[in-house]
Amino acid sequence: MALNIFRKKFPIAGPLMVITQSYVKAGDAIPLPPIGPPTRRPIGETQYNKPFMPQGTTHILVIEDEKRVADLIQRGLEEEGFTVTLAYDGLMGRKLALSPAFDLVITDIILPGINGLELCKELRQARPTVPIIMLTALGTTDDKVEGFDAGADDYLVKPFDFRELLVRARALLKRSSDRLQSHEGPLLRYGGMEMNLHTKSVRRDGRDIDLTPKEFKLLEFMMKNAGRVLSRNEIAQHVWDTHFDTGTNFIDVYINYLRKKVDKDFPDRKLIHTKSGMGFIFKEG
């Protein structure tokens, strides 16, 4: 592994405030983060602009089999005020991730024991609302689609800039916090389509539609903005918490997946339309 896993430079010397010593491996007892007051330095302003600051103790689980990479991520996140626990294999990572003690999970895909895709699928079934970031060297469009289909909320390719990981983590934590505080009703209805935000079920004219987690989020965003043209960049920001990469077509891939499931049996009543050069619109007719 190259030494420049990410480009944020850490000082070689000087004091380091250690929040948790949390290296775990298969067979160890699982040291869950403390429930009481955090034992970390006070959160203060750093060189990064903070759109979201963790309140109380924000616990992040990092599942990464390369110890040096995991340690660098842990150190960077702890410097930003988070409490971090490390797992170096998929089996231990799965045991830890299933605990409600963690607010965010960052996982590699290629792991010993159980790979990150299977771990993500199991975690999404057990904890449907916990944010998950996949951090991996697998960077093709097919790899990203597979990761999102497994239930990941975001996908970052190595080598990466730590600042980007930090921004994405904060965005997911803020969205999760906003969702918990929202009093929005559980049902969305439009053009014969009904979406239940609590049960994560979708029906059109009484017919069940089976969606992956990312397809569900994409449809939810489009239904909440029915009648309005949505650009690819806007979709990327709100559904994937990232900026649209013009070098990939993963948004178009997901729109096509959604079309096949939503409009396939309704050729004369399509709801998902393309506006050439502008984006997509969810509307009747």
C-alpha atoms as a PDB file:
ATOM      1  CA  MET A   1       0.000   0.000   0.000  1.00  0.00           C
ATOM      2  CA  ALA A   2       1.386   3.388  -0.983  1.00  0.00           C
ATOM      3  CA  LEU A   3       2.247   5.675   1.886  1.00  0.00           C
ATOM      4  CA  ASN A   4       0.045   8.501   0.619  1.00  0.00           C
ATOM      5  CA  ILE A   5      -3.269   6.805   1.410  1.00  0.00           C
ATOM      6  CA  PHE A   6      -4.653  10.282   1.819  1.00  0.00           C
ATOM      7  CA  ARG A   7      -3.048  13.649   1.499  1.00  0.00           C
ATOM      8  CA  LYS A   8      -3.673  15.197   4.902  1.00  0.00           C
ATOM      9  CA  LYS A   9      -0.296  15.431   6.655  1.00  0.00           C
ATOM     10  CA  PHE A  10      -0.069  14.462  10.321  1.00  0.00           C
ATOM     11  CA  PRO A  11       2.733  15.834  12.547  1.00  0.00           C
ATOM     12  CA  ILE A  12       5.475  13.382  13.398  1.00  0.00           C
ATOM     13  CA  ALA A  13       6.088  14.874  16.845  1.00  0.00           C
ATOM     14  CA  GLY A  14       3.973  16.694  19.395  1.00  0.00           C
ATOM     15  CA  PRO A  15       1.190  15.752  21.804  1.00  0.00           C
ATOM     16  CA  LEU A  16      -1.536  13.407  20.621  1.00  0.00           C
ATOM     17  CA  MET A  17      -4.804  13.137  22.521  1.00  0.00           C
ATOM     18  CA  VAL A  18      -5.908   9.521  22.304  1.00  0.00           C
ATOM     19  CA  ILE A  19      -9.671   9.111  22.629  1.00  0.00           C
ATOM     20  CA  THR A  20     -10.006   5.350  22.601  1.00  0.00           C
ATOM     21  CA  GLN A  21      -7.619   2.462  22.221  1.00  0.00           C
ATOM     22  CA  SER A  22      -9.844   0.291  20.130  1.00  0.00           C
ATOM     23  CA  TYR A  23      -7.935  -2.282  18.095  1.00  0.00           C
ATOM     24  CA  VAL A  24      -9.990  -5.476  18.041  1.00  0.00           C
ATOM     25  CA  LYS A  25      -9.486  -8.755  16.255  1.00  0.00           C
ATOM     26  CA  ALA A  26     -11.439 -11.982  15.901  1.00  0.00           C
ATOM     27  CA  GLY A  27     -11.762 -13.738  19.245  1.00  0.00           C
ATOM     28  CA  ASP A  28     -11.407 -10.577  21.345  1.00  0.00           C
ATOM     29  CA  ALA A  29     -14.126  -9.362  23.654  1.00  0.00           C
ATOM     30  CA  ILE A  30     -15.953  -6.498  21.943  1.00  0.00           C
ATOM     31  CA  PRO A  31     -15.050  -3.184  23.625  1.00  0.00           C
ATOM     32  CA  LEU A  32     -18.105  -1.043  22.870  1.00  0.00           C
ATOM     33  CA  PRO A  33     -17.681   2.727  23.206  1.00  0.00           C
ATOM     34  CA  PRO A  34     -18.569   4.181  26.614  1.00  0.00           C
ATOM     35  CA  ILE A  35     -22.125   5.368  27.133  1.00  0.00           C
ATOM     36  CA  GLY A  36     -21.188   8.081  29.649  1.00  0.00           C
ATOM     37  CA  PRO A  37     -19.543  11.450  29.007  1.00  0.00           C
ATOM     38  CA  PRO A  38     -16.869  11.421  26.271  1.00  0.00           C
ATOM     39  CA  THR A  39     -13.227  11.218  27.331  1.00  0.00           C
ATOM     40  CA  ARG A  40     -11.815  13.302  24.522  1.00  0.00           C
ATOM     41  CA  ARG A  41     -10.466  16.790  24.084  1.00  0.00           C
ATOM     42  CA  PRO A  42     -13.046  19.565  23.711  1.00  0.00           C
ATOM     43  CA  ILE A  43     -14.221  20.042  20.156  1.00  0.00           C
ATOM     44  CA  GLY A  44     -12.725  23.224  18.741  1.00  0.00           C
ATOM     45  CA  GLU A  45     -12.353  24.884  15.386  1.00  0.00           C
ATOM     46  CA  THR A  46      -9.698  23.414  13.115  1.00  0.00           C
ATOM     47  CA  GLN A  47      -8.488  24.211   9.617  1.00  0.00           C
ATOM     48  CA  TYR A  48     -11.681  22.698   8.210  1.00  0.00           C
ATOM     49  CA  ASN A  49     -14.993  24.482   7.871  1.00  0.00           C
ATOM     50  CA  LYS A  50     -17.558  22.527   9.889  1.00  0.00           C
ATOM     51  CA  PRO A  51     -21.082  22.382   8.432  1.00  0.00           C
ATOM     52  CA  PHE A  52     -21.952  19.872  11.166  1.00  0.00           C
ATOM     53  CA  MET A  53     -20.385  19.397  14.571  1.00  0.00           C
ATOM     54  CA  PRO A  54     -20.953  16.206  16.536  1.00  0.00           C
ATOM     55  CA  GLN A  55     -22.998  16.768  19.657  1.00  0.00           C
ATOM     56  CA  GLY A  56     -22.165  14.668  22.694  1.00  0.00           C
ATOM     57  CA  THR A  57     -20.294  11.528  21.720  1.00  0.00           C
ATOM     58  CA  THR A  58     -20.378  10.553  18.045  1.00  0.00           C
ATOM     59  CA  HIS A  59     -19.075   6.994  17.564  1.00  0.00           C
ATOM     60  CA  ILE A  60     -17.621   5.869  14.236  1.00  0.00           C
ATOM     61  CA  LEU A  61     -16.688   2.274  13.429  1.00  0.00           C
ATOM     62  CA  VAL A  62     -13.873   1.799  10.877  1.00  0.00           C
ATOM     63  CA  ILE A  63     -13.520  -1.696   9.372  1.00  0.00           C
ATOM     64  CA  GLU A  64     -10.204  -1.904   7.513  1.00  0.00           C
ATOM     65  CA  ASP A  65      -7.769  -4.826   7.346  1.00  0.00           C
ATOM     66  CA  GLU A  66      -4.689  -2.719   6.568  1.00  0.00           C
ATOM     67  CA  LYS A  67      -3.618  -1.579  10.015  1.00  0.00           C
ATOM     68  CA  ARG A  68      -1.685   1.474   8.889  1.00  0.00           C
ATOM     69  CA  VAL A  69      -4.604   2.781   6.831  1.00  0.00           C
ATOM     70  CA  ALA A  70      -7.015   2.134   9.702  1.00  0.00           C
ATOM     71  CA  ASP A  71      -4.743   3.873  12.208  1.00  0.00           C
ATOM     72  CA  LEU A  72      -4.392   6.952   9.977  1.00  0.00           C
ATOM     73  CA  ILE A  73      -8.156   7.214   9.523  1.00  0.00           C
ATOM     74  CA  GLN A  74      -8.667   6.798  13.271  1.00  0.00           C
ATOM     75  CA  ARG A  75      -6.157   9.497  14.090  1.00  0.00           C
ATOM     76  CA  GLY A  76      -7.653  11.923  11.584  1.00  0.00           C
ATOM     77  CA  LEU A  77     -11.218  11.414  12.819  1.00  0.00           C
ATOM     78  CA  GLU A  78     -10.209  11.641  16.462  1.00  0.00           C
ATOM     79  CA  GLU A  79      -8.446  14.940  15.775  1.00  0.00           C
ATOM     80  CA  GLU A  80     -11.818  16.191  14.526  1.00  0.00           C
ATOM     81  CA  GLY A  81     -13.568  15.222  17.768  1.00  0.00           C
ATOM     82  CA  PHE A  82     -15.064  11.815  16.942  1.00  0.00           C
ATOM     83  CA  THR A  83     -14.710   8.635  18.983  1.00  0.00           C
ATOM     84  CA  VAL A  84     -13.388   5.850  16.744  1.00  0.00           C
ATOM     85  CA  THR A  85     -13.292   2.061  17.096  1.00  0.00           C
ATOM     86  CA  LEU A  86     -11.293  -0.134  14.700  1.00  0.00           C
ATOM     87  CA  ALA A  87     -11.955  -3.664  13.460  1.00  0.00           C
ATOM     88  CA  TYR A  88      -9.404  -5.371  11.230  1.00  0.00           C
ATOM     89  CA  ASP A  89     -11.576  -8.158   9.768  1.00  0.00           C
ATOM     90  CA  GLY A  90     -15.125  -8.561   8.500  1.00  0.00           C
ATOM     91  CA  LEU A  91     -16.347 -10.940  11.198  1.00  0.00           C
ATOM     92  CA  MET A  92     -15.403  -8.684  14.068  1.00  0.00           C
ATOM     93  CA  GLY A  93     -16.598  -5.689  12.078  1.00  0.00           C
ATOM     94  CA  ARG A  94     -20.015  -7.284  11.661  1.00  0.00           C
ATOM     95  CA  LYS A  95     -20.316  -7.990  15.403  1.00  0.00           C
ATOM     96  CA  LEU A  96     -19.438  -4.424  16.249  1.00  0.00           C
ATOM     97  CA  ALA A  97     -21.537  -2.809  13.515  1.00  0.00           C
ATOM     98  CA  LEU A  98     -24.704  -4.552  14.687  1.00  0.00           C
ATOM     99  CA  SER A  99     -24.415  -2.720  18.010  1.00  0.00           C
ATOM    100  CA  PRO A 100     -26.558   0.443  18.272  1.00  0.00           C
ATOM    101  CA  ALA A 101     -23.562   2.172  19.898  1.00  0.00           C
ATOM    102  CA  PHE A 102     -22.220   3.302  16.496  1.00  0.00           C
ATOM    103  CA  ASP A 103     -23.528   6.325  14.586  1.00  0.00           C
ATOM    104  CA  LEU A 104     -21.580   5.723  11.352  1.00  0.00           C
ATOM    105  CA  VAL A 105     -19.772   2.760   9.764  1.00  0.00           C
ATOM    106  CA  ILE A 106     -16.834   3.104   7.362  1.00  0.00           C
ATOM    107  CA  THR A 107     -15.833  -0.207   5.750  1.00  0.00           C
ATOM    108  CA  ASP A 108     -13.500  -1.596   3.132  1.00  0.00           C
ATOM    109  CA  ILE A 109     -14.884  -4.173   0.679  1.00  0.00           C
ATOM    110  CA  ILE A 110     -12.031  -6.691   0.506  1.00  0.00           C
ATOM    111  CA  LEU A 111     -11.825  -8.014   4.075  1.00  0.00           C
ATOM    112  CA  PRO A 112     -10.865 -11.315   5.723  1.00  0.00           C
ATOM    113  CA  GLY A 113     -13.728 -13.361   7.166  1.00  0.00           C
ATOM    114  CA  ILE A 114     -16.624 -11.671   5.384  1.00  0.00           C
ATOM    115  CA  ASN A 115     -16.383  -9.055   2.650  1.00  0.00           C
ATOM    116  CA  GLY A 116     -17.720  -5.535   2.972  1.00  0.00           C
ATOM    117  CA  LEU A 117     -20.596  -6.098   0.542  1.00  0.00           C
ATOM    118  CA  GLU A 118     -22.060  -8.991   2.556  1.00  0.00           C
ATOM    119  CA  LEU A 119     -21.438  -7.095   5.779  1.00  0.00           C
ATOM    120  CA  CYS A 120     -23.264  -4.075   4.368  1.00  0.00           C
ATOM    121  CA  LYS A 121     -26.277  -6.169   3.301  1.00  0.00           C
ATOM    122  CA  GLU A 122     -26.583  -7.757   6.742  1.00  0.00           C
ATOM    123  CA  LEU A 123     -26.146  -4.440   8.507  1.00  0.00           C
ATOM    124  CA  ARG A 124     -28.740  -2.744   6.314  1.00  0.00           C
ATOM    125  CA  GLN A 125     -31.267  -5.435   7.221  1.00  0.00           C
ATOM    126  CA  ALA A 126     -30.579  -5.166  10.955  1.00  0.00           C
ATOM    127  CA  ARG A 127     -30.030  -1.384  11.148  1.00  0.00           C
ATOM    128  CA  PRO A 128     -31.722   0.212   8.136  1.00  0.00           C
ATOM    129  CA  THR A 129     -30.941   3.809   9.121  1.00  0.00           C
ATOM    130  CA  VAL A 130     -27.262   3.646  10.146  1.00  0.00           C
ATOM    131  CA  PRO A 131     -25.070   5.550   7.626  1.00  0.00           C
ATOM    132  CA  ILE A 132     -22.476   3.418   5.790  1.00  0.00           C
ATOM    133  CA  ILE A 133     -19.481   4.628   3.770  1.00  0.00           C
ATOM    134  CA  MET A 134     -17.552   2.158   1.611  1.00  0.00           C
ATOM    135  CA  LEU A 135     -13.855   2.988   1.348  1.00  0.00           C
ATOM    136  CA  THR A 136     -12.107   0.795  -1.213  1.00  0.00           C
ATOM    137  CA  ALA A 137      -9.669   0.568  -4.098  1.00  0.00           C
ATOM    138  CA  LEU A 138     -12.431  -0.849  -6.333  1.00  0.00           C
ATOM    139  CA  GLY A 139     -13.456   2.188  -8.344  1.00  0.00           C
ATOM    140  CA  THR A 140     -15.315   1.235 -11.533  1.00  0.00           C
ATOM    141  CA  THR A 141     -18.939   2.208 -12.115  1.00  0.00           C
ATOM    142  CA  ASP A 142     -19.947  -1.450 -11.707  1.00  0.00           C
ATOM    143  CA  ASP A 143     -18.133  -1.591  -8.354  1.00  0.00           C
ATOM    144  CA  LYS A 144     -19.948   1.530  -7.155  1.00  0.00           C
ATOM    145  CA  VAL A 145     -23.331   0.250  -8.302  1.00  0.00           C
ATOM    146  CA  GLU A 146     -22.701  -3.037  -6.486  1.00  0.00           C
ATOM    147  CA  GLY A 147     -21.758  -1.151  -3.332  1.00  0.00           C
ATOM    148  CA  PHE A 148     -24.829   1.074  -3.434  1.00  0.00           C
ATOM    149  CA  ASP A 149     -27.045  -1.934  -4.155  1.00  0.00           C
ATOM    150  CA  ALA A 150     -25.633  -3.607  -1.053  1.00  0.00           C
ATOM    151  CA  GLY A 151     -26.913  -0.666   0.982  1.00  0.00           C
ATOM    152  CA  ALA A 152     -24.000   1.783   1.179  1.00  0.00           C
ATOM    153  CA  ASP A 153     -24.900   5.457   1.525  1.00  0.00           C
ATOM    154  CA  ASP A 154     -21.628   6.683   0.047  1.00  0.00           C
ATOM    155  CA  TYR A 155     -18.606   5.265  -1.775  1.00  0.00           C
ATOM    156  CA  LEU A 156     -15.046   6.651  -1.712  1.00  0.00           C
ATOM    157  CA  VAL A 157     -12.191   5.263  -3.790  1.00  0.00           C
ATOM    158  CA  LYS A 158      -8.604   4.907  -2.521  1.00  0.00           C
ATOM    159  CA  PRO A 159      -6.300   6.785  -2.596  1.00  0.00           C
ATOM    160  CA  PHE A 160      -8.430   9.573  -1.157  1.00  0.00           C
ATOM    161  CA  ASP A 161      -8.169  13.004   0.399  1.00  0.00           C
ATOM    162  CA  PHE A 162      -9.019  12.821   4.105  1.00  0.00           C
ATOM    163  CA  ARG A 163     -10.916  16.111   3.874  1.00  0.00           C
ATOM    164  CA  GLU A 164     -13.345  14.502   1.435  1.00  0.00           C
ATOM    165  CA  LEU A 165     -13.943  11.551   3.776  1.00  0.00           C
ATOM    166  CA  LEU A 166     -14.521  14.021   6.618  1.00  0.00           C
ATOM    167  CA  VAL A 167     -17.038  16.091   4.635  1.00  0.00           C
ATOM    168  CA  ARG A 168     -18.951  13.000   3.544  1.00  0.00           C
ATOM    169  CA  ALA A 169     -19.018  11.582   7.079  1.00  0.00           C
ATOM    170  CA  ARG A 170     -20.358  14.855   8.483  1.00  0.00           C
ATOM    171  CA  ALA A 171     -22.991  15.079   5.732  1.00  0.00           C
ATOM    172  CA  LEU A 172     -24.274  11.569   6.473  1.00  0.00           C
ATOM    173  CA  LEU A 173     -24.308  12.190  10.222  1.00  0.00           C
ATOM    174  CA  LYS A 174     -26.209  15.439   9.743  1.00  0.00           C
ATOM    175  CA  ARG A 175     -28.746  13.793   7.447  1.00  0.00           C
ATOM    176  CA  SER A 176     -29.219  10.984   9.959  1.00  0.00           C
ATOM    177  CA  SER A 177     -29.684  13.507  12.774  1.00  0.00           C
ATOM    178  CA  ASP A 178     -32.163  15.559  10.719  1.00  0.00           C
ATOM    179  CA  ARG A 179     -34.149  12.411   9.941  1.00  0.00           C
ATOM    180  CA  LEU A 180     -34.454  11.560  13.630  1.00  0.00           C
ATOM    181  CA  GLN A 181     -35.719  15.062  14.393  1.00  0.00           C
ATOM    182  CA  SER A 182     -38.138  15.192  11.440  1.00  0.00           C
ATOM    183  CA  HIS A 183     -41.867  14.867  12.032  1.00  0.00           C
ATOM    184  CA  GLU A 184     -42.584  14.186   8.380  1.00  0.00           C
ATOM    185  CA  GLY A 185     -45.480  11.826   7.693  1.00  0.00           C
ATOM    186  CA  PRO A 186     -44.651   8.253   6.693  1.00  0.00           C
ATOM    187  CA  LEU A 187     -46.483   8.233   3.314  1.00  0.00           C
ATOM    188  CA  LEU A 188     -45.660   9.849  -0.033  1.00  0.00           C
ATOM    189  CA  ARG A 189     -48.243   9.595  -2.816  1.00  0.00           C
ATOM    190  CA  TYR A 190     -48.079  10.667  -6.458  1.00  0.00           C
ATOM    191  CA  GLY A 191     -49.571   9.350  -9.716  1.00  0.00           C
ATOM    192  CA  GLY A 192     -50.771   6.073  -8.255  1.00  0.00           C
ATOM    193  CA  MET A 193     -47.403   5.608  -6.509  1.00  0.00           C
ATOM    194  CA  GLU A 194     -47.341   5.173  -2.732  1.00  0.00           C
ATOM    195  CA  MET A 195     -44.143   5.114  -0.669  1.00  0.00           C
ATOM    196  CA  ASN A 196     -44.076   4.278   3.036  1.00  0.00           C
ATOM    197  CA  LEU A 197     -41.008   5.868   4.624  1.00  0.00           C
ATOM    198  CA  HIS A 198     -41.347   3.774   7.788  1.00  0.00           C
ATOM    199  CA  THR A 199     -41.763   0.300   6.291  1.00  0.00           C
ATOM    200  CA  LYS A 200     -39.605   1.131   3.235  1.00  0.00           C
ATOM    201  CA  SER A 201     -42.277  -0.296   0.936  1.00  0.00           C
ATOM    202  CA  VAL A 202     -43.390   1.007  -2.462  1.00  0.00           C
ATOM    203  CA  ARG A 203     -46.591   0.290  -4.381  1.00  0.00           C
ATOM    204  CA  ARG A 204     -48.013   1.521  -7.663  1.00  0.00           C
ATOM    205  CA  ASP A 205     -51.711   0.999  -8.307  1.00  0.00           C
ATOM    206  CA  GLY A 206     -51.704  -1.671  -5.602  1.00  0.00           C
ATOM    207  CA  ARG A 207     -48.700  -3.569  -7.029  1.00  0.00           C
ATOM    208  CA  ASP A 208     -45.624  -4.015  -4.833  1.00  0.00           C
ATOM    209  CA  ILE A 209     -42.335  -2.693  -6.248  1.00  0.00           C
ATOM    210  CA  ASP A 210     -39.116  -4.180  -4.855  1.00  0.00           C
ATOM    211  CA  LEU A 211     -36.323  -1.590  -4.636  1.00  0.00           C
ATOM    212  CA  THR A 212     -32.744  -1.642  -3.403  1.00  0.00           C
ATOM    213  CA  PRO A 213     -31.889   0.861  -0.599  1.00  0.00           C
ATOM    214  CA  LYS A 214     -30.314   3.336  -3.028  1.00  0.00           C
ATOM    215  CA  GLU A 215     -33.176   3.024  -5.527  1.00  0.00           C
ATOM    216  CA  PHE A 216     -35.569   3.748  -2.662  1.00  0.00           C
ATOM    217  CA  LYS A 217     -33.666   6.917  -1.714  1.00  0.00           C
ATOM    218  CA  LEU A 218     -33.566   8.053  -5.333  1.00  0.00           C
ATOM    219  CA  LEU A 219     -37.306   7.522  -5.774  1.00  0.00           C
ATOM    220  CA  GLU A 220     -38.000   9.251  -2.434  1.00  0.00           C
ATOM    221  CA  PHE A 221     -36.041  12.323  -3.566  1.00  0.00           C
ATOM    222  CA  MET A 222     -37.830  12.407  -6.919  1.00  0.00           C
ATOM    223  CA  MET A 223     -41.281  12.011  -5.347  1.00  0.00           C
ATOM    224  CA  LYS A 224     -40.581  14.814  -2.869  1.00  0.00           C
ATOM    225  CA  ASN A 225     -39.636  17.017  -5.835  1.00  0.00           C
ATOM    226  CA  ALA A 226     -42.317  15.853  -8.297  1.00  0.00           C
ATOM    227  CA  GLY A 227     -42.840  18.247 -11.190  1.00  0.00           C
ATOM    228  CA  ARG A 228     -39.378  19.810 -10.899  1.00  0.00           C
ATOM    229  CA  VAL A 229     -36.387  19.116 -13.154  1.00  0.00           C
ATOM    230  CA  LEU A 230     -33.547  17.602 -11.115  1.00  0.00           C
ATOM    231  CA  SER A 231     -29.989  17.890 -12.428  1.00  0.00           C
ATOM    232  CA  ARG A 232     -27.519  15.059 -12.069  1.00  0.00           C
ATOM    233  CA  ASN A 233     -25.445  17.159  -9.692  1.00  0.00           C
ATOM    234  CA  GLU A 234     -28.491  17.871  -7.511  1.00  0.00           C
ATOM    235  CA  ILE A 235     -29.371  14.177  -7.396  1.00  0.00           C
ATOM    236  CA  ALA A 236     -25.778  13.286  -6.505  1.00  0.00           C
ATOM    237  CA  GLN A 237     -25.729  15.832  -3.665  1.00  0.00           C
ATOM    238  CA  HIS A 238     -29.044  14.803  -2.103  1.00  0.00           C
ATOM    239  CA  VAL A 239     -29.051  11.037  -2.689  1.00  0.00           C
ATOM    240  CA  TRP A 240     -25.330  10.259  -2.554  1.00  0.00           C
ATOM    241  CA  ASP A 241     -24.064  13.263  -0.558  1.00  0.00           C
ATOM    242  CA  THR A 242     -21.421  13.908  -3.190  1.00  0.00           C
ATOM    243  CA  HIS A 243     -20.825  15.953  -6.328  1.00  0.00           C
ATOM    244  CA  PHE A 244     -21.579  14.372  -9.694  1.00  0.00           C
ATOM    245  CA  ASP A 245     -18.484  12.991 -11.389  1.00  0.00           C
ATOM    246  CA  THR A 246     -18.868  13.630 -15.111  1.00  0.00           C
ATOM    247  CA  GLY A 247     -16.467  10.734 -15.721  1.00  0.00           C
ATOM    248  CA  THR A 248     -19.039   8.214 -14.490  1.00  0.00           C
ATOM    249  CA  ASN A 249     -22.642   7.416 -15.413  1.00  0.00           C
ATOM    250  CA  PHE A 250     -23.834   5.810 -12.176  1.00  0.00           C
ATOM    251  CA  ILE A 251     -26.781   8.214 -11.806  1.00  0.00           C
ATOM    252  CA  ASP A 252     -28.053   7.327 -15.291  1.00  0.00           C
ATOM    253  CA  VAL A 253     -27.572   3.656 -14.416  1.00  0.00           C
ATOM    254  CA  TYR A 254     -29.777   4.027 -11.332  1.00  0.00           C
ATOM    255  CA  ILE A 255     -32.384   6.071 -13.204  1.00  0.00           C
ATOM    256  CA  ASN A 256     -32.616   3.232 -15.731  1.00  0.00           C
ATOM    257  CA  TYR A 257     -32.934   0.653 -12.936  1.00  0.00           C
ATOM    258  CA  LEU A 258     -35.726   2.715 -11.402  1.00  0.00           C
ATOM    259  CA  ARG A 259     -37.510   3.188 -14.713  1.00  0.00           C
ATOM    260  CA  LYS A 260     -37.628  -0.552 -15.318  1.00  0.00           C
ATOM    261  CA  LYS A 261     -39.272  -1.105 -11.946  1.00  0.00           C
ATOM    262  CA  VAL A 262     -41.554   1.944 -11.783  1.00  0.00           C
ATOM    263  CA  ASP A 263     -42.653   2.431 -15.413  1.00  0.00           C
ATOM    264  CA  LYS A 264     -42.199  -1.005 -17.012  1.00  0.00           C
ATOM    265  CA  ASP A 265     -45.829  -2.115 -16.540  1.00  0.00           C
ATOM    266  CA  PHE A 266     -47.233   1.337 -17.294  1.00  0.00           C
ATOM    267  CA  PRO A 267     -46.013   2.261 -20.806  1.00  0.00           C
ATOM    268  CA  ASP A 268     -48.730   4.895 -21.263  1.00  0.00           C
ATOM    269  CA  ARG A 269     -48.357   6.402 -17.791  1.00  0.00           C
ATOM    270  CA  LYS A 270     -44.643   6.931 -17.325  1.00  0.00           C
ATOM    271  CA  LEU A 271     -43.537   8.920 -14.298  1.00  0.00           C
ATOM    272  CA  ILE A 272     -39.769   9.257 -14.857  1.00  0.00           C
ATOM    273  CA  HIS A 273     -38.816  11.499 -17.775  1.00  0.00           C
ATOM    274  CA  THR A 274     -35.518  12.809 -19.168  1.00  0.00           C
ATOM    275  CA  LYS A 275     -35.020  16.496 -19.920  1.00  0.00           C
ATOM    276  CA  SER A 276     -32.203  16.553 -22.462  1.00  0.00           C
ATOM    277  CA  GLY A 277     -29.220  18.533 -21.262  1.00  0.00           C
ATOM    278  CA  MET A 278     -30.893  19.325 -17.927  1.00  0.00           C
ATOM    279  CA  GLY A 279     -31.635  16.161 -15.967  1.00  0.00           C
ATOM    280  CA  PHE A 280     -34.721  14.210 -14.952  1.00  0.00           C
ATOM    281  CA  ILE A 281     -38.263  14.988 -13.851  1.00  0.00           C
ATOM    282  CA  PHE A 282     -40.840  12.904 -11.954  1.00  0.00           C
ATOM    283  CA  LYS A 283     -44.309  13.765 -13.276  1.00  0.00           C
ATOM    284  CA  GLU A 284     -47.444  12.302 -14.810  1.00  0.00           C
ATOM    285  CA  GLY A 285     -47.796  12.316 -18.584  1.00  0.00           C
END
